[in-house]
């Protein structure tokens, strides 16, 4: 099994700078190496091949993120303007998928750390809580809308009875049969 990338062993500040250069995507590997050497003269500069391998992985990750974003935008666009609950459900599903992929990736590694396992467990727990909250919020919104509609229908029925349009007996039938009021 391959060892840890020399870039991952660099100080966080140097690694963050390399990631910034990769996000900008405006330099060749040689230009990036020269820039890293001039910016961090006291740090060990990664080899050109290590930087190239890191760039390939970074590009793959960036491409996957771009694809996920485009898919989410397409789904949300299909849901319409007022889609906050559907967007939330989609986000929870996307997080579930990513947590699963991370778990599979961690399982394939021979040297999974306790911290990685704890992070995956936390992500899974948070995802399940978000899914539960999303369902509860949707149910509460649906109940509130149903209650409001029933109140409006009851008020309209009362107006019709007062105006003499139907009898109390007919109104009672409609309340019991369609409004569910006993």
Protein backbone atom coordinates (compact mmCIF):
# COMPACT_ATOMS: atom_id res chain seq x y z
CA UNK A 1 0.00 0.00 0.00
CA UNK A 2 1.31 3.46 -0.89
CA UNK A 3 2.46 5.74 1.89
CA UNK A 4 0.98 9.08 2.82
CA UNK A 5 1.48 11.77 0.16
CA UNK A 6 4.40 14.08 0.84
CA UNK A 7 2.01 16.98 0.28
CA UNK A 8 -0.28 15.73 3.05
CA UNK A 9 2.75 15.73 5.38
CA UNK A 10 3.46 19.41 4.70
CA UNK A 11 2.43 22.06 7.25
CA UNK A 12 -1.26 23.01 6.85
CA UNK A 13 -0.38 26.51 5.65
CA UNK A 14 1.73 25.15 2.77
CA UNK A 15 -0.85 22.53 1.83
CA UNK A 16 -3.60 25.19 1.85
CA UNK A 17 -1.48 27.36 -0.44
CA UNK A 18 -0.98 24.47 -2.86
CA UNK A 19 -4.72 23.85 -2.90
CA UNK A 20 -5.28 27.55 -3.59
CA UNK A 21 -2.91 27.38 -6.57
CA UNK A 22 -4.71 24.29 -7.84
CA UNK A 23 -8.10 26.02 -7.54
CA UNK A 24 -6.80 28.99 -9.52
CA UNK A 25 -5.54 26.57 -12.19
CA UNK A 26 -3.36 29.18 -13.93
CA UNK A 27 0.16 27.74 -13.53
CA UNK A 28 2.09 24.78 -14.81
CA UNK A 29 3.53 22.31 -12.30
CA UNK A 30 6.98 23.84 -12.70
CA UNK A 31 5.64 27.35 -12.12
CA UNK A 32 3.77 26.14 -9.03
CA UNK A 33 6.91 24.50 -7.64
CA UNK A 34 8.94 27.69 -8.18
CA UNK A 35 6.19 29.75 -6.51
CA UNK A 36 6.00 27.37 -3.53
CA UNK A 37 9.82 27.43 -3.14
CA UNK A 38 9.92 31.23 -3.18
CA UNK A 39 6.96 31.61 -0.84
CA UNK A 40 8.08 28.95 1.68
CA UNK A 41 11.90 28.81 1.44
CA UNK A 42 12.25 27.08 4.83
CA UNK A 43 9.86 24.23 3.99
CA UNK A 44 10.63 21.09 2.01
CA UNK A 45 9.17 21.50 -1.48
CA UNK A 46 7.29 18.49 -2.83
CA UNK A 47 8.63 16.72 -5.89
CA UNK A 48 7.17 17.46 -9.31
CA UNK A 49 5.68 13.95 -9.50
CA UNK A 50 4.11 14.26 -6.03
CA UNK A 51 2.58 17.60 -7.02
CA UNK A 52 1.34 16.07 -10.28
CA UNK A 53 -0.31 13.14 -8.45
CA UNK A 54 -1.85 15.52 -5.92
CA UNK A 55 -3.15 17.70 -8.77
CA UNK A 56 -4.78 14.69 -10.46
CA UNK A 57 -6.60 13.77 -7.24
CA UNK A 58 -7.54 17.40 -6.64
CA UNK A 59 -8.86 17.78 -10.20
CA UNK A 60 -10.92 14.60 -9.83
CA UNK A 61 -12.41 15.83 -6.57
CA UNK A 62 -13.13 19.26 -8.07
CA UNK A 63 -14.82 17.67 -11.09
CA UNK A 64 -17.02 15.49 -8.85
CA UNK A 65 -18.02 18.53 -6.79
CA UNK A 66 -18.86 20.45 -9.97
CA UNK A 67 -20.99 17.55 -11.23
CA UNK A 68 -22.83 17.30 -7.90
CA UNK A 69 -23.49 21.04 -7.94
CA UNK A 70 -24.80 20.92 -11.51
CA UNK A 71 -27.03 17.95 -10.72
CA UNK A 72 -28.40 19.66 -7.62
CA UNK A 73 -29.10 22.85 -9.59
CA UNK A 74 -30.88 20.83 -12.28
CA UNK A 75 -33.02 19.01 -9.71
CA UNK A 76 -33.83 22.16 -7.80
CA UNK A 77 -34.64 23.95 -11.07
CA UNK A 78 -37.08 21.16 -11.93
CA UNK A 79 -38.77 21.54 -8.54
CA UNK A 80 -39.67 25.17 -9.23
CA UNK A 81 -39.21 28.42 -7.36
CA UNK A 82 -40.80 27.44 -4.03
CA UNK A 83 -38.82 24.31 -3.38
CA UNK A 84 -37.10 24.80 -0.03
CA UNK A 85 -38.32 21.50 1.44
CA UNK A 86 -37.36 19.59 -1.72
CA UNK A 87 -34.00 21.34 -1.82
CA UNK A 88 -33.40 20.38 1.81
CA UNK A 89 -34.33 16.78 1.09
CA UNK A 90 -31.97 16.77 -1.88
CA UNK A 91 -29.18 18.22 0.24
CA UNK A 92 -29.70 15.56 2.93
CA UNK A 93 -29.62 12.86 0.25
CA UNK A 94 -26.41 14.28 -1.23
CA UNK A 95 -24.78 14.34 2.20
CA UNK A 96 -25.91 10.75 2.78
CA UNK A 97 -24.30 9.70 -0.49
CA UNK A 98 -21.04 11.50 0.32
CA UNK A 99 -20.92 9.98 3.82
CA UNK A 100 -21.45 6.53 2.32
CA UNK A 101 -18.69 7.11 -0.25
CA UNK A 102 -16.35 8.27 2.52
CA UNK A 103 -17.20 5.18 4.57
CA UNK A 104 -16.48 2.89 1.62
CA UNK A 105 -13.22 4.74 0.94
CA UNK A 106 -12.20 4.43 4.57
CA UNK A 107 -13.04 0.72 4.55
CA UNK A 108 -10.77 0.17 1.53
CA UNK A 109 -7.83 1.76 3.35
CA UNK A 110 -5.82 -0.48 5.62
CA UNK A 111 -4.90 2.30 8.04
CA UNK A 112 -8.22 3.89 9.06
CA UNK A 113 -7.72 6.06 12.12
CA UNK A 114 -10.05 6.33 15.09
CA UNK A 115 -10.58 10.00 14.22
CA UNK A 116 -11.74 9.07 10.70
CA UNK A 117 -14.21 6.53 12.11
CA UNK A 118 -15.50 9.10 14.60
CA UNK A 119 -15.87 11.71 11.84
CA UNK A 120 -17.84 9.26 9.67
CA UNK A 121 -20.07 8.31 12.59
CA UNK A 122 -20.72 11.98 13.34
CA UNK A 123 -21.53 12.68 9.69
CA UNK A 124 -23.94 9.74 9.58
CA UNK A 125 -25.64 10.86 12.80
CA UNK A 126 -25.99 14.45 11.57
CA UNK A 127 -27.38 13.24 8.25
CA UNK A 128 -30.00 11.08 9.96
CA UNK A 129 -30.98 13.99 12.21
CA UNK A 130 -31.30 16.30 9.21
CA UNK A 131 -33.47 13.75 7.40
CA UNK A 132 -35.74 13.36 10.45
CA UNK A 133 -35.99 17.13 10.91
CA UNK A 134 -36.81 17.62 7.23
CA UNK A 135 -39.64 15.06 7.41
CA UNK A 136 -41.03 16.58 10.62
CA UNK A 137 -40.92 20.09 9.13
CA UNK A 138 -42.77 18.93 5.99
CA UNK A 139 -45.41 17.17 8.10
CA UNK A 140 -45.90 20.28 10.27
CA UNK A 141 -46.27 22.50 7.19
CA UNK A 142 -48.76 20.09 5.61
CA UNK A 143 -50.80 19.94 8.84
CA UNK A 144 -50.86 23.73 9.18
CA UNK A 145 -52.00 24.11 5.55
CA UNK A 146 -54.70 21.45 6.02
CA UNK A 147 -55.94 23.11 9.25
CA UNK A 148 -56.05 26.53 7.60
CA UNK A 149 -58.01 25.16 4.62
CA UNK A 150 -60.52 23.44 6.93
CA UNK A 151 -61.01 26.67 8.90
CA UNK A 152 -61.62 28.61 5.69
CA UNK A 153 -64.11 26.01 4.46
CA UNK A 154 -65.89 26.02 7.83
CA UNK A 155 -66.14 29.82 7.72
CA UNK A 156 -67.56 29.70 4.18
CA UNK A 157 -70.10 27.08 5.24
CA UNK A 158 -71.14 29.25 8.22
CA UNK A 159 -71.62 32.27 5.90
CA UNK A 160 -73.77 30.18 3.57
CA UNK A 161 -75.95 29.00 6.48
CA UNK A 162 -76.34 32.57 7.82
CA UNK A 163 -77.22 33.87 4.38
CA UNK A 164 -79.96 31.24 4.15
CA UNK A 165 -78.33 29.32 1.28
CA UNK A 166 -78.55 25.97 3.09
CA UNK A 167 -80.15 24.65 6.26
CA UNK A 168 -78.35 23.73 9.49
CA UNK A 169 -79.11 20.10 8.74
CA UNK A 170 -77.43 20.32 5.33
CA UNK A 171 -74.49 22.20 6.85
CA UNK A 172 -74.10 19.45 9.48
CA UNK A 173 -73.99 16.85 6.68
CA UNK A 174 -71.22 18.78 4.88
CA UNK A 175 -69.25 19.32 8.10
CA UNK A 176 -69.35 15.62 8.98
CA UNK A 177 -68.90 14.19 5.49
CA UNK A 178 -66.26 16.50 4.01
CA UNK A 179 -64.73 18.58 6.77
CA UNK A 180 -64.47 15.71 9.27
CA UNK A 181 -66.10 17.76 12.03
CA UNK A 182 -68.39 15.81 14.37
